[in-house]
Each structure stands twice: as structure tokens, then as C-alpha cells.
């Protein structure tokens, strides 16, 4: 995806502002419990990488990150990227997740989100999670569609 209308600096500022909004303005919500931390972005590739701090209480009975919270990190990262390209809130229309490996809760989980196909009505996105010590070993992947048209 090529985006010549936005610089990397503009994209970074917007994504950091979204994370700040989640952390401060939405305090007390589930999104504020697990805010994203900016790592990198690339407007030409339509990509955004962030990480989420995990805690032992986020584990399922098997000791890995609960699947619902895996969905939360995907939805947050892809949702922030969709918001950047639309300039307004972009509700999730659908999301599909493949759980490939258990996500450990004793270290941060990284999410690399990508705008696969922007649209006037809907944005098609994908994302993958990985551990910082093994970035080439995917833990889970997701695809999602976000409403691009303003409600």
C-alpha cells in the first residue's frame, strides 16, 4: 500500500495520540487496562507496530494469554490504524483470529498491523502477534474489516 499523503512523522503522532486517548480519556475501560505502546509505523506500507504489556492475571487456565484479550490487542492495533486512515472512529465489522501458539503473559506481546485494502466504505486489515525475543515466530494472526464510512 502506498500512501503519499501522510509522512511517517504525521502517522506516528496520530497513532501516539490514539494510544494517549485510550490511556487517559478512557480510563477505567478495558482499553485503558491494555493500552498500546508505539514501536514503529510506515505509511508507504500501511503498517503499524505496537506492543502491549501483559500480566499474569490475563492468563487463561492453561497459563497463556486469554483468547478474548488476544482479540483485544488485535482490535486495538488494527482499529487505531483504521482510524488513522479514516480520520474518525471505525467500528469493527468482522474479525477472524488464528491462534497458532500460546502467547506467554510474562513478557510484552507485539502486534504488527497492516492496512491491506483501504476503501470508501470498509477497510480490510491484517495483523500478527509475536514475542520480542522471536519476531519471526508468529503467535496468532488476524484479519478484520472496519467500517470506513462515517456513521
Protein backbone atom coordinates (compact mmCIF):
# COMPACT_ATOMS: atom_id res chain seq x y z
CA UNK A 1 0.00 0.00 0.00
CA UNK A 2 1.40 3.37 -0.90
CA UNK A 3 0.29 6.47 0.98
CA UNK A 4 1.90 9.64 -0.27
CA UNK A 5 -0.47 11.92 1.63
CA UNK A 6 0.96 11.21 5.09
CA UNK A 7 4.51 11.43 6.39
CA UNK A 8 5.89 8.93 8.87
CA UNK A 9 6.00 11.70 11.49
CA UNK A 10 2.31 12.57 10.96
CA UNK A 11 1.36 8.92 11.18
CA UNK A 12 3.41 8.39 14.34
CA UNK A 13 1.90 11.48 16.00
CA UNK A 14 -1.63 10.32 15.19
CA UNK A 15 -1.05 6.77 16.45
CA UNK A 16 0.61 8.00 19.64
CA UNK A 17 -2.34 10.36 20.17
CA UNK A 18 -4.75 7.42 19.84
CA UNK A 19 -2.80 5.49 22.48
CA UNK A 20 -2.82 8.56 24.73
CA UNK A 21 -6.58 8.88 24.32
CA UNK A 22 -7.05 5.26 25.35
CA UNK A 23 -4.75 5.63 28.35
CA UNK A 24 -6.12 8.89 29.73
CA UNK A 25 -9.54 9.76 28.31
CA UNK A 26 -10.88 6.23 28.51
CA UNK A 27 -9.50 5.44 31.99
CA UNK A 28 -11.47 2.67 33.63
CA UNK A 29 -12.32 0.91 30.37
CA UNK A 30 -10.85 -2.38 29.21
CA UNK A 31 -8.92 -0.49 26.53
CA UNK A 32 -7.14 1.52 29.23
CA UNK A 33 -6.12 -1.68 31.03
CA UNK A 34 -4.12 -2.77 27.99
CA UNK A 35 -3.08 0.34 26.05
CA UNK A 36 -0.81 0.01 23.02
CA UNK A 37 2.78 1.28 23.14
CA UNK A 38 4.06 2.67 19.84
CA UNK A 39 7.01 0.89 18.20
CA UNK A 40 7.00 1.84 14.51
CA UNK A 41 4.88 2.82 11.54
CA UNK A 42 5.27 3.04 7.79
CA UNK A 43 2.70 4.99 5.76
CA UNK A 44 4.05 3.61 2.47
CA UNK A 45 3.44 0.04 3.67
CA UNK A 46 0.27 0.94 5.60
CA UNK A 47 1.70 -0.68 8.72
CA UNK A 48 1.79 -0.04 12.45
CA UNK A 49 3.67 -1.97 15.13
CA UNK A 50 2.94 -1.65 18.82
CA UNK A 51 3.25 -3.74 21.94
CA UNK A 52 1.05 -4.48 24.92
CA UNK A 53 2.27 -5.14 28.46
CA UNK A 54 0.85 -8.40 29.80
CA UNK A 55 0.23 -9.52 33.36
CA UNK A 56 -0.27 -12.95 34.96
CA UNK A 57 -3.97 -12.24 35.61
CA UNK A 58 -4.52 -12.04 31.82
CA UNK A 59 -3.85 -15.78 31.53
CA UNK A 60 -6.38 -18.44 30.66
CA UNK A 61 -6.47 -21.69 32.72
CA UNK A 62 -3.60 -23.02 30.57
CA UNK A 63 -1.33 -20.12 31.53
CA UNK A 64 -1.34 -18.33 28.14
CA UNK A 65 -2.99 -15.04 27.19
CA UNK A 66 -6.78 -15.41 27.23
CA UNK A 67 -8.22 -15.56 23.71
CA UNK A 68 -10.55 -12.64 24.37
CA UNK A 69 -7.58 -10.47 25.31
CA UNK A 70 -5.77 -11.63 22.18
CA UNK A 71 -8.77 -10.30 20.30
CA UNK A 72 -8.48 -7.03 22.24
CA UNK A 73 -4.85 -6.44 21.21
CA UNK A 74 -5.64 -7.18 17.57
CA UNK A 75 -8.75 -4.98 17.57
CA UNK A 76 -6.91 -2.11 19.24
CA UNK A 77 -3.92 -2.14 16.88
CA UNK A 78 -5.94 -2.58 13.68
CA UNK A 79 -8.63 -0.18 14.92
CA UNK A 80 -6.08 2.56 15.57
CA UNK A 81 -4.61 2.07 12.12
CA UNK A 82 -8.08 2.16 10.52
CA UNK A 83 -8.85 5.33 12.49
CA UNK A 84 -5.65 6.93 11.20
CA UNK A 85 -6.63 6.34 7.58
CA UNK A 86 -10.28 7.38 8.05
CA UNK A 87 -9.84 10.25 10.48
CA UNK A 88 -12.77 9.10 12.60
CA UNK A 89 -13.94 6.13 14.66
CA UNK A 90 -14.03 2.94 12.59
CA UNK A 91 -16.13 0.23 14.25
CA UNK A 92 -15.17 -3.39 13.69
CA UNK A 93 -17.44 -5.17 11.22
CA UNK A 94 -15.81 -8.59 11.47
CA UNK A 95 -12.64 -10.23 12.74
CA UNK A 96 -11.17 -13.70 12.34
CA UNK A 97 -8.32 -14.95 14.54
CA UNK A 98 -6.00 -17.92 14.16
CA UNK A 99 -4.34 -18.94 17.43
CA UNK A 100 -1.04 -20.50 16.36
CA UNK A 101 0.90 -20.79 19.63
CA UNK A 102 0.25 -19.90 23.27
CA UNK A 103 1.01 -16.24 23.99
CA UNK A 104 3.09 -16.01 27.18
CA UNK A 105 1.95 -13.46 29.76
CA UNK A 106 5.40 -12.95 31.30
CA UNK A 107 6.56 -10.55 28.56
CA UNK A 108 5.04 -7.99 26.20
CA UNK A 109 3.27 -9.12 23.07
CA UNK A 110 3.96 -7.24 19.84
CA UNK A 111 1.35 -6.62 17.14
CA UNK A 112 2.18 -5.75 13.56
CA UNK A 113 -0.99 -4.42 11.86
CA UNK A 114 -1.38 -3.66 8.18
CA UNK A 115 -3.94 -1.93 6.00
CA UNK A 116 -4.40 -4.47 3.21
CA UNK A 117 -7.09 -2.66 1.23
CA UNK A 118 -8.45 0.74 2.18
CA UNK A 119 -11.91 1.56 0.96
CA UNK A 120 -14.53 4.26 0.97
CA UNK A 121 -16.98 2.04 2.88
CA UNK A 122 -14.72 -0.55 4.55
CA UNK A 123 -11.03 -1.12 5.35
CA UNK A 124 -9.59 -4.64 5.07
CA UNK A 125 -6.78 -5.27 7.54
CA UNK A 126 -4.50 -7.98 8.87
CA UNK A 127 -2.25 -8.37 11.89
CA UNK A 128 0.12 -10.78 13.58
CA UNK A 129 1.41 -11.14 17.14
CA UNK A 130 4.90 -12.16 18.18
CA UNK A 131 7.24 -12.11 21.18
CA UNK A 132 10.10 -9.58 21.22
CA UNK A 133 12.65 -12.40 21.51
CA UNK A 134 11.26 -14.29 18.47
CA UNK A 135 9.82 -11.79 15.95
CA UNK A 136 9.70 -14.35 13.12
CA UNK A 137 7.68 -16.89 15.14
CA UNK A 138 4.05 -15.81 14.90
CA UNK A 139 1.81 -16.49 17.88
CA UNK A 140 -1.53 -15.53 16.34
CA UNK A 141 -2.82 -13.85 13.20
CA UNK A 142 -5.99 -11.93 12.44
CA UNK A 143 -7.89 -10.41 9.58
CA UNK A 144 -10.59 -7.80 10.07
CA UNK A 145 -12.92 -5.44 8.31
CA UNK A 146 -13.55 -1.96 9.73
CA UNK A 147 -16.30 0.45 8.77
CA UNK A 148 -14.58 3.30 6.92
CA UNK A 149 -17.69 5.36 6.17
CA UNK A 150 -18.68 7.79 8.88
CA UNK A 151 -21.86 6.86 10.75
